[in-house]
Protein backbone atom coordinates (compact mmCIF):
# COMPACT_ATOMS: atom_id res chain seq x y z
CA MET A 1 8.69 -34.20 -29.46
CA GLU A 2 9.28 -30.29 -29.86
CA HIS A 3 11.56 -27.74 -28.20
CA TYR A 4 9.98 -24.53 -27.09
CA ILE A 5 12.46 -21.89 -26.45
CA GLU A 6 10.88 -19.50 -23.07
CA ARG A 7 10.92 -15.86 -23.51
CA LEU A 8 10.58 -13.93 -19.64
CA ILE A 9 10.63 -10.36 -20.29
CA ASP A 10 11.08 -8.53 -17.31
CA LEU A 11 9.91 -4.74 -17.04
CA THR A 12 10.04 -4.20 -13.15
CA GLU A 13 11.70 -1.07 -12.18
CA ALA A 14 15.01 -2.51 -10.49
CA ASP A 15 16.65 0.45 -9.24
CA ALA A 16 13.46 1.14 -7.61
CA ASN A 17 13.54 -1.68 -5.05
CA ASP A 18 14.51 -0.48 -1.79
CA ILE A 19 15.96 -3.15 0.16
CA CYS A 20 17.97 -3.27 3.49
CA ASP A 21 21.13 -4.92 4.14
CA LEU A 22 21.01 -7.49 1.31
CA SER A 23 21.93 -6.73 -2.38
CA LEU A 24 19.66 -6.98 -5.49
CA GLU A 25 21.76 -10.14 -6.55
CA ASP A 26 21.48 -11.85 -2.65
CA ALA A 27 17.30 -10.96 -2.56
CA ARG A 28 16.61 -12.55 -5.92
CA GLU A 29 18.74 -15.48 -5.08
CA LEU A 30 16.49 -16.02 -2.06
CA VAL A 31 13.29 -15.77 -4.13
CA LEU A 32 14.35 -18.28 -6.61
CA LYS A 33 15.76 -20.68 -4.50
CA HIS A 34 14.78 -20.37 -0.91
CA PRO A 35 11.27 -19.02 -1.29
CA LYS A 36 10.17 -19.50 2.13
CA ASP A 37 12.84 -17.60 3.66
CA VAL A 38 12.24 -14.14 1.49
CA SER A 39 10.61 -12.33 3.99
CA GLN A 40 14.38 -12.27 5.32
CA ILE A 41 14.07 -9.50 2.51
CA GLN A 42 13.78 -6.08 4.42
CA GLY A 43 12.23 -3.16 2.50
CA SER A 44 10.35 -2.72 -0.74
CA PHE A 45 10.44 -4.99 -3.57
CA ALA A 46 9.41 -6.42 -6.41
CA LEU A 47 11.64 -9.18 -7.74
CA VAL A 48 11.85 -11.59 -10.32
CA ALA A 49 14.27 -14.83 -10.62
CA HIS A 50 14.47 -17.40 -13.32
CA SER A 51 16.56 -20.61 -13.94
CA GLY A 52 15.58 -22.84 -17.05
CA LYS A 53 12.14 -22.48 -17.54
CA THR A 54 11.66 -21.89 -13.92
CA VAL A 55 10.09 -18.40 -12.42
CA ARG A 56 9.58 -16.83 -9.36
CA MET A 57 7.91 -13.72 -8.48
CA ALA A 58 7.45 -12.10 -5.39
CA ARG A 59 7.21 -8.35 -4.07
CA SER A 60 6.15 -6.15 -0.58
CA LEU A 61 2.79 -5.50 -0.09
CA ASP A 62 3.52 -1.72 -0.95
CA ARG A 63 4.47 -2.16 -5.03
CA PRO A 64 2.28 -3.95 -7.21
CA MET A 65 3.49 -6.58 -9.83
CA ARG A 66 1.93 -8.24 -12.49
CA TYR A 67 2.28 -10.81 -14.86
CA PHE A 68 0.74 -11.84 -18.51
CA LEU A 69 1.67 -15.37 -20.52
CA ALA A 70 1.88 -14.66 -23.89
CA LYS A 71 1.81 -17.31 -26.71
CA GLN A 72 4.26 -17.59 -29.81
CA LYS A 73 4.98 -20.13 -32.18
CA ALA A 74 8.50 -20.87 -30.90
CA GLY A 75 6.75 -21.20 -27.37
CA PRO A 76 6.17 -19.02 -24.08
CA ALA A 77 6.74 -15.27 -22.94
CA LEU A 78 6.25 -14.25 -19.83
CA VAL A 79 5.82 -10.56 -19.45
CA VAL A 80 6.13 -9.01 -15.95
CA ALA A 81 5.71 -5.40 -14.71
CA HIS A 82 4.71 -3.03 -12.32
CA ARG A 83 1.50 -2.05 -15.03
CA ILE A 84 -1.42 -3.55 -16.99
CA ASP A 85 -0.52 -0.69 -19.67
CA ALA A 86 3.23 -1.53 -19.60
CA ILE A 87 2.42 -5.20 -20.43
CA TYR A 88 0.12 -3.91 -23.04
CA ASP A 89 2.94 -1.82 -24.74
CA TRP A 90 4.97 -4.65 -24.69
CA LEU A 91 2.42 -6.67 -26.62
CA ARG A 92 1.78 -4.26 -29.11
CA THR A 93 5.59 -4.12 -30.07
CA GLU A 94 5.48 -7.24 -30.69
CA GLY A 95 2.35 -7.50 -32.64
CA LEU A 96 1.06 -9.59 -29.85
CA ASP A 97 -1.91 -7.60 -28.79
CA ASP A 98 -4.63 -9.49 -30.08
CA GLN A 99 -4.22 -11.83 -27.28
CA PHE A 100 -4.61 -9.40 -24.42
CA HIS A 101 -7.42 -8.57 -22.20
CA PRO A 102 -6.76 -6.82 -19.07
CA SER A 103 -8.35 -9.16 -17.19
CA TYR A 104 -5.85 -11.75 -18.17
CA THR A 105 -2.87 -10.20 -16.67
CA ARG A 106 -2.29 -11.70 -13.07
CA MET A 107 -0.83 -9.93 -10.18
CA VAL A 108 1.48 -11.44 -7.63
CA PRO A 109 -0.57 -11.53 -4.57
CA ALA A 110 1.95 -9.53 -1.39
CA HIS A 111 3.68 -12.54 0.75
CA TYR A 112 4.21 -14.85 -1.91
CA VAL A 113 6.39 -16.08 -3.83
CA VAL A 114 5.00 -16.86 -7.46
CA GLU A 115 6.31 -20.17 -9.77
CA ILE A 116 5.21 -20.00 -13.17
CA GLN A 117 6.68 -22.86 -15.58
CA LEU A 118 7.49 -21.59 -19.20
CA ILE A 119 7.18 -25.42 -20.52
CA GLY A 120 4.43 -24.73 -23.15
CA CYS A 121 0.73 -25.30 -24.02
CA PRO A 122 -1.30 -26.56 -22.39
CA ASP A 123 0.37 -24.39 -19.13
CA PRO A 124 0.32 -25.46 -15.47
CA ASP A 125 -1.27 -23.40 -12.77
CA PRO A 126 0.90 -21.27 -11.06
CA VAL A 127 2.56 -22.62 -7.51
CA TYR A 128 2.16 -20.10 -4.31
CA THR A 129 4.20 -20.70 -1.32
CA ARG A 130 4.13 -17.98 1.54
CA PHE A 131 6.48 -16.24 2.89
CA PHE A 132 4.91 -14.41 5.41
CA ALA A 133 2.52 -15.80 7.89
CA PRO A 134 2.83 -13.86 11.19
CA GLU A 135 1.36 -15.72 14.40
CA ALA A 136 -2.34 -14.30 15.21
CA GLN A 137 -3.30 -13.48 18.99
CA THR A 138 0.17 -13.81 20.60
CA LEU A 139 0.32 -10.87 22.61
CA ALA A 140 -1.14 -10.33 26.44
CA ALA A 141 -4.45 -8.82 26.28
CA ASP A 142 -2.87 -5.17 27.55
CA PRO A 143 -3.29 -2.07 25.37
CA ASP A 144 -0.44 -0.48 27.03
CA GLN A 145 1.86 -3.46 25.88
CA ILE A 146 0.59 -3.50 22.71
CA GLY A 147 1.03 0.05 22.01
CA ARG A 148 4.40 -0.16 23.35
CA ALA A 149 5.41 -2.84 20.97
CA TYR A 150 3.64 -1.98 17.98
CA VAL A 151 4.64 2.06 17.74
CA ALA A 152 8.37 0.36 18.74
CA ALA A 153 7.97 -1.51 15.37
CA LEU A 154 6.47 1.79 13.69
CA ALA A 155 9.59 3.74 14.91
CA ASP A 156 12.24 1.36 13.57
CA GLU A 157 10.77 1.02 10.56
CA ILE A 158 10.84 5.03 10.19
CA ALA A 159 14.77 4.38 11.54
CA GLN A 160 15.88 2.37 8.99
CA TRP A 161 14.55 4.34 6.24
CA LEU A 162 15.65 7.37 6.99
CA HIS A 163 18.91 6.07 7.03
CA ARG A 164 18.76 5.34 3.44
CA VAL A 165 17.31 9.08 2.88
CA PRO A 166 20.08 11.49 1.81
CA GLU A 167 20.51 13.60 4.42
CA ALA A 168 19.93 16.68 2.25
CA GLU A 169 16.31 15.46 1.19
CA PRO A 170 13.26 17.49 2.41
CA ILE A 171 10.21 14.69 3.97
CA GLY A 172 7.03 15.06 3.39
CA VAL A 173 4.20 13.49 5.51
CA CYS A 174 1.07 13.12 4.05
CA PHE A 175 -0.74 14.35 6.73
CA SER A 176 -4.62 14.45 8.08
CA GLY A 177 -4.14 14.48 12.06
CA GLY A 178 -6.30 11.25 11.83
CA ILE A 179 -4.59 8.19 13.73
CA ASP A 180 -2.51 6.66 11.13
CA SER A 181 -0.84 10.07 9.96
CA GLY A 182 -0.78 11.71 12.90
CA SER A 183 1.28 8.56 14.74
CA VAL A 184 3.75 8.73 11.44
CA PHE A 185 4.04 11.99 12.10
CA LEU A 186 5.03 12.15 15.66
CA ALA A 187 6.83 9.12 15.15
CA ILE A 188 9.42 10.49 12.22
CA TYR A 189 9.59 13.72 14.69
CA HIS A 190 10.61 11.78 17.46
CA VAL A 191 13.03 9.57 15.43
CA MET A 192 14.73 12.49 13.24
CA ARG A 193 15.20 14.53 17.01
CA GLN A 194 16.90 10.90 18.89
CA LEU A 195 18.71 10.88 15.35
CA GLY A 196 19.90 14.79 15.47
CA MET A 197 18.56 14.98 12.41
CA ASN A 198 17.62 18.60 10.72
CA LEU A 199 13.76 19.20 11.76
CA GLY A 200 13.48 21.62 9.16
CA ARG A 201 13.81 18.87 6.41
CA LEU A 202 10.42 17.87 7.50
CA LYS A 203 6.55 19.35 6.39
CA ALA A 204 3.19 17.56 7.34
CA PHE A 205 1.51 18.55 4.00
CA SER A 206 -2.68 18.68 4.39
CA LEU A 207 -4.69 18.65 1.31
CA ASP A 208 -6.97 21.98 1.01
CA LEU A 209 -10.13 21.45 -1.27
CA GLY A 210 -12.08 23.69 0.26
CA ALA A 211 -14.75 23.36 3.10
CA GLY A 212 -13.38 20.04 4.16
CA PRO A 213 -12.78 19.06 7.43
CA ASP A 214 -9.23 17.51 7.34
CA LEU A 215 -7.50 20.87 7.21
CA GLU A 216 -8.83 22.10 10.67
CA GLN A 217 -7.77 18.54 11.62
CA ALA A 218 -4.38 18.73 11.50
CA ARG A 219 -4.17 22.06 12.01
CA SER A 220 -5.62 21.35 15.64
CA PHE A 221 -3.45 18.26 15.84
CA LEU A 222 -0.29 20.35 15.64
CA ASP A 223 -1.19 23.36 17.10
CA SER A 224 -2.22 21.67 20.50
CA LEU A 225 0.91 19.86 20.44
CA GLY A 226 3.15 23.19 19.59
CA LEU A 227 3.96 22.00 16.29
CA GLY A 228 2.17 23.94 13.91
CA LEU A 229 4.96 25.02 11.88
CA PHE A 230 5.28 22.29 10.86
CA LEU A 231 1.91 22.85 9.08
CA GLU A 232 1.75 23.37 5.07
CA PRO A 233 -1.49 23.20 3.40
CA ILE A 234 -1.92 22.06 -0.10
CA GLU A 235 -4.47 23.98 -1.90
CA ALA A 236 -6.15 22.40 -4.77
CA ASP A 237 -9.50 22.84 -6.89
CA ALA A 238 -12.36 20.74 -6.54
CA SER A 239 -13.27 21.61 -10.11
CA SER A 240 -10.05 20.29 -11.11
CA LEU A 241 -10.44 16.68 -9.75
CA ASN A 242 -10.69 13.88 -12.55
CA VAL A 243 -11.59 10.42 -11.99
CA GLU A 244 -11.29 9.28 -15.43
CA GLU A 245 -7.20 10.14 -15.16
CA THR A 246 -7.47 8.23 -11.61
CA ILE A 247 -8.71 5.09 -13.08
CA ARG A 248 -6.02 5.02 -16.02
CA ILE A 249 -3.29 5.71 -13.12
CA THR A 250 -4.75 3.46 -10.48
CA GLU A 251 -5.74 0.92 -13.32
CA ASP A 252 -8.91 -0.64 -11.16
CA TYR A 253 -12.31 0.80 -10.38
CA LYS A 254 -13.55 -0.10 -6.94
CA PRO A 255 -15.33 3.23 -5.73
CA LEU A 256 -13.63 3.88 -2.69
CA ASP A 257 -9.74 3.31 -3.61
CA ILE A 258 -10.75 5.87 -6.87
CA GLU A 259 -12.27 8.52 -4.70
CA SER A 260 -8.78 7.89 -2.04
CA ALA A 261 -6.32 8.00 -5.07
CA THR A 262 -8.34 11.07 -6.47
CA MET A 263 -7.31 13.23 -3.33
CA MET A 264 -4.09 11.37 -3.08
CA LEU A 265 -3.25 12.58 -6.75
CA ALA A 266 -4.55 16.22 -6.03
CA LEU A 267 -1.95 16.01 -2.91
CA CYS A 268 0.61 14.87 -4.86
CA GLN A 269 -0.20 17.97 -7.74
CA GLY A 270 -0.10 20.21 -5.46
CA ILE A 271 3.52 19.14 -3.20
CA ARG A 272 5.35 18.82 -6.98
CA GLU A 273 4.02 22.19 -8.81
CA ARG A 274 5.26 23.79 -5.63
CA TYR A 275 8.89 22.30 -5.28
CA PRO A 276 9.72 20.13 -8.17
CA GLU A 277 12.22 18.62 -6.90
CA TRP A 278 10.86 16.91 -3.63
CA ARG A 279 11.38 13.33 -3.68
CA TYR A 280 10.07 11.60 -0.33
CA LEU A 281 6.81 11.50 1.12
CA ILE A 282 5.48 9.05 4.15
CA ASP A 283 2.06 8.69 5.10
CA GLY A 284 0.13 6.09 7.44
CA ASP A 285 -1.23 3.99 4.38
CA GLY A 286 -2.47 0.25 5.91
CA GLY A 287 -2.96 1.37 9.38
CA ASP A 288 -6.63 1.17 9.08
CA GLU A 289 -5.65 -2.79 7.49
CA ASN A 290 -3.64 -3.60 10.63
CA LEU A 291 -6.08 -2.55 13.33
CA LYS A 292 -8.79 -3.71 11.60
CA ASP A 293 -10.55 -0.11 11.46
CA TYR A 294 -12.92 -0.48 8.49
CA PRO A 295 -16.56 0.23 9.76
CA ILE A 296 -18.23 -3.36 9.36
CA GLU A 297 -21.57 -2.77 8.50
CA GLU A 298 -20.76 -1.20 4.98
CA ASN A 299 -19.73 -4.17 3.98
CA PRO A 300 -22.49 -7.11 3.55
CA GLU A 301 -19.87 -9.71 3.21
CA LEU A 302 -18.12 -9.04 6.45
CA THR A 303 -19.44 -9.60 9.94
CA ILE A 304 -16.72 -9.04 13.25
CA ARG A 305 -16.28 -12.81 13.27
CA SER A 306 -14.91 -12.80 9.97
CA VAL A 307 -12.62 -9.73 10.51
CA VAL A 308 -10.63 -10.75 13.49
CA ASN A 309 -10.70 -14.85 12.64
CA ASN A 310 -8.82 -14.36 9.49
CA GLN A 311 -5.56 -13.86 9.18
CA MET A 312 -4.18 -10.31 7.43
CA LEU A 313 -7.63 -10.22 5.98
CA TYR A 314 -7.59 -6.60 5.10
CA GLN A 315 -4.10 -7.00 3.64
CA GLU A 316 -4.90 -9.94 1.76
CA GLY A 317 -8.44 -10.35 1.24
CA TRP A 318 -9.78 -13.67 1.48
CA GLY A 319 -6.71 -15.19 0.51
CA VAL A 320 -4.72 -17.31 -2.33
CA GLY A 321 -6.76 -20.35 -2.97
CA LYS A 322 -10.25 -18.99 -2.14
CA ILE A 323 -13.29 -18.64 -4.27
CA LYS A 324 -13.80 -14.95 -3.76
CA HIS A 325 -9.87 -14.47 -4.29
CA SER A 326 -9.13 -12.34 -7.39
CA LEU A 327 -6.37 -13.33 -9.65
CA THR A 328 -6.22 -10.54 -11.55
CA TYR A 329 -6.13 -8.03 -8.80
CA SER A 330 -5.08 -10.17 -5.90
CA GLY A 331 -7.13 -8.50 -2.57
CA GLY A 332 -7.03 -6.27 0.38
CA LEU A 333 -4.41 -3.73 0.44
CA SER A 334 -2.82 -6.02 -1.83
CA ARG A 335 -5.01 -5.33 -4.25
CA SER A 336 -5.68 -1.45 -3.21
CA TYR A 337 -2.14 0.25 -2.54
CA THR A 338 -2.48 1.06 -6.16
CA ARG A 339 -4.58 4.29 -4.57
CA THR A 340 -1.17 5.35 -3.28
CA TYR A 341 1.65 3.74 -5.68
CA GLY A 342 0.22 4.96 -8.63
CA PRO A 343 -0.30 8.88 -7.60
CA HIS A 344 3.55 8.44 -5.95
CA ARG A 345 4.43 7.05 -9.43
CA HIS A 346 3.16 9.56 -11.54
CA TYR A 347 4.09 12.80 -9.88
CA GLY A 348 8.06 11.24 -9.42
CA PHE A 349 7.84 10.73 -5.55
CA LYS A 350 9.35 7.80 -3.64
CA GLY A 351 6.44 6.82 -1.31
CA PHE A 352 6.85 4.86 1.88
CA SER A 353 4.09 3.72 4.98
CA PRO A 354 5.76 1.66 7.83
CA PHE A 355 2.58 0.48 8.63
CA THR A 356 3.19 -1.74 5.80
CA ARG A 357 6.30 -3.46 6.62
CA PRO A 358 6.20 -7.01 7.93
CA HIS A 359 7.71 -6.41 11.68
CA VAL A 360 4.59 -3.79 11.83
CA VAL A 361 1.93 -5.97 10.63
CA ALA A 362 3.09 -8.69 12.55
CA ILE A 363 2.26 -7.11 15.72
CA ALA A 364 -0.67 -6.26 14.60
CA GLU A 365 -1.51 -9.67 13.69
CA GLY A 366 -0.59 -10.84 17.71
CA ILE A 367 -2.82 -8.59 19.13
CA PRO A 368 -5.53 -10.88 20.79
CA PHE A 369 -8.60 -8.73 19.49
CA ILE A 370 -11.27 -11.56 20.32
CA ASP A 371 -10.05 -11.06 24.23
CA LEU A 372 -10.25 -7.18 23.73
CA THR A 373 -13.58 -6.63 22.16
CA ALA A 374 -15.34 -9.92 23.20
CA TYR A 375 -16.72 -9.62 19.39
CA ASP A 376 -18.55 -6.18 20.25
CA ILE A 377 -18.31 -3.95 17.21
CA SER A 378 -17.60 -0.65 19.44
CA LYS A 379 -14.54 -2.03 20.89
CA LEU A 380 -13.06 -3.10 17.53
CA TYR A 381 -13.46 0.58 16.38
CA GLU A 382 -12.29 2.13 19.30
CA LEU A 383 -9.10 -0.30 19.66
CA LYS A 384 -6.93 1.55 17.22
CA GLY A 385 -6.77 4.72 19.18
CA GLU A 386 -6.20 3.21 22.69
CA ILE A 387 -3.48 1.40 21.52
CA VAL A 388 -1.83 3.80 18.85
CA SER A 389 -2.44 6.57 21.42
CA ARG A 390 -1.01 4.89 24.26
CA GLY A 391 2.10 3.61 22.01
CA ILE A 392 2.93 6.81 20.71
CA ALA A 393 2.51 8.55 24.56
CA ALA A 394 5.20 5.52 25.44
CA LEU A 395 7.49 6.09 22.75
CA THR A 396 7.74 10.06 22.76
CA GLY A 397 5.50 10.89 25.77
CA ILE A 398 3.46 13.32 23.62
CA ARG A 399 -0.45 12.51 24.33
CA MET A 400 -1.53 12.14 20.80
CA PRO A 401 -5.05 13.86 20.15
CA VAL A 402 -7.39 11.14 18.69
CA PHE A 403 -10.09 11.95 16.14
CA PRO A 404 -12.59 9.89 15.26
CA LYS A 405 -12.15 7.82 12.08
CA ARG A 406 -12.85 9.48 8.56
CA ARG A 407 -11.34 8.66 5.27
CA PHE A 408 -9.02 10.29 3.06
CA GLN A 409 -11.78 11.66 0.53
CA HIS A 410 -14.11 12.34 3.09
CA GLY A 411 -11.94 14.55 5.06
CA ALA A 412 -10.93 16.37 2.27
CA LEU A 413 -14.07 17.37 1.18
CA PRO A 414 -17.97 17.05 2.07
CA ALA A 415 -19.46 14.44 1.51
CA ASP A 416 -22.31 15.76 -0.97
CA THR A 417 -19.45 18.03 -2.28
CA LEU A 418 -17.62 15.10 -2.80
CA ARG A 419 -20.60 12.66 -4.67
CA GLN A 420 -20.99 15.62 -7.13
CA ARG A 421 -17.87 15.67 -8.51
CA LEU A 422 -17.20 11.88 -8.07
CA PRO A 423 -20.27 9.84 -8.23
CA PHE A 424 -20.20 6.14 -6.62
CA ARG A 425 -20.45 4.14 -9.51
CA GLU A 426 -18.28 0.79 -9.67
CA THR A 427 -20.18 -0.54 -12.94
CA GLU A 428 -19.46 2.82 -14.66
CA TYR A 429 -15.87 3.34 -13.09
CA ARG A 430 -15.17 -1.03 -15.02
CA LYS A 431 -16.49 0.48 -18.25
CA GLN A 432 -13.96 3.31 -18.06
CA PHE A 433 -11.21 1.34 -17.10
CA LEU A 434 -11.61 -1.24 -19.39
CA SER A 435 -12.13 1.42 -22.59
CA LEU A 436 -8.41 2.49 -22.54
CA TYR A 437 -7.81 -1.33 -23.78
CA LEU A 438 -11.56 -2.24 -25.60
């Protein structure tokens, strides 16, 4: 019988893991030996662990993690990285790039441990073990109670993160004045005051591309609360937006995510040019997913029943093992978080969104959406503002302004101008992405 020599090439960035109260070695031990207990790992992580021919991988919702299984005469080589281009570069140095196509890479889905057996040809399918499965609709249908629990969890995650940020480092909030960024700003403002931290470290950065409504909304939000001194507009020229660069950095082609990432790149570039040493950013990514606040009518695949009855639909897509689950990209926020992660990483920021943390997601999953909405779409759209504003009031005593939902890209530029700069064509974006390799 032929003896195979397996290889594991781990290109993930170990020092980028941000884990609470657990060493990197102990976290990897959990992934390897106790997959169902990986939920004990608190923080942001992408972990690879192996023993012999068994490799197990796991990641948090806010950090992409990909793998590719290459063939060599001596045996299989498993390459693991955060990015597709890192995998491709390694294969090219080994003379194995003729095996590569970007669609052959696989994304480790968030909330699962993925097991690969390196036993040669033919390779067995990966085995998926879910480690995060919050119970649905466990809370009482009381918006005040839900708001208190949800925002308390938000504040707890922010406090834990603040304790890991060096005390002299400034902190920037990516801020539009919407419900998610607004609640994050007010929660971190409150927590920093409670902990006696210097509020001079805090800024609310708002992107200004000219004539977009977000800056005025951000100013109105903060001025109404007497907090306008924290606002700092970041001006950028709309003519500098580069969708090809966005596609390269995010390694994706979904139009809404490409648009959002293009704006995030403009914001990050502006902050970096003004503050070369700035490192820490916090944002509200994931807040829409948690409270199921996306326009259902824009997606013909969705109904309100599918949205409220499928576990973590917006975080995970249709889920592992489902026909519409993409092995190459995963689904939901598990896929689209590159719209935030990519720009942050490209410009050297350490980003954080408390809405992606399992404790916060679990509270959101416990909301009795059916009881509160009776499958009424308008009630679902109103629910996030109601819950979050009540929670912020309970935590801080502040009555948070609530504005109608608007996507990041639609707040940075008027819609007609946006369409001129970034034509909404998925097929063209996909071609541009594939052209990086083919």
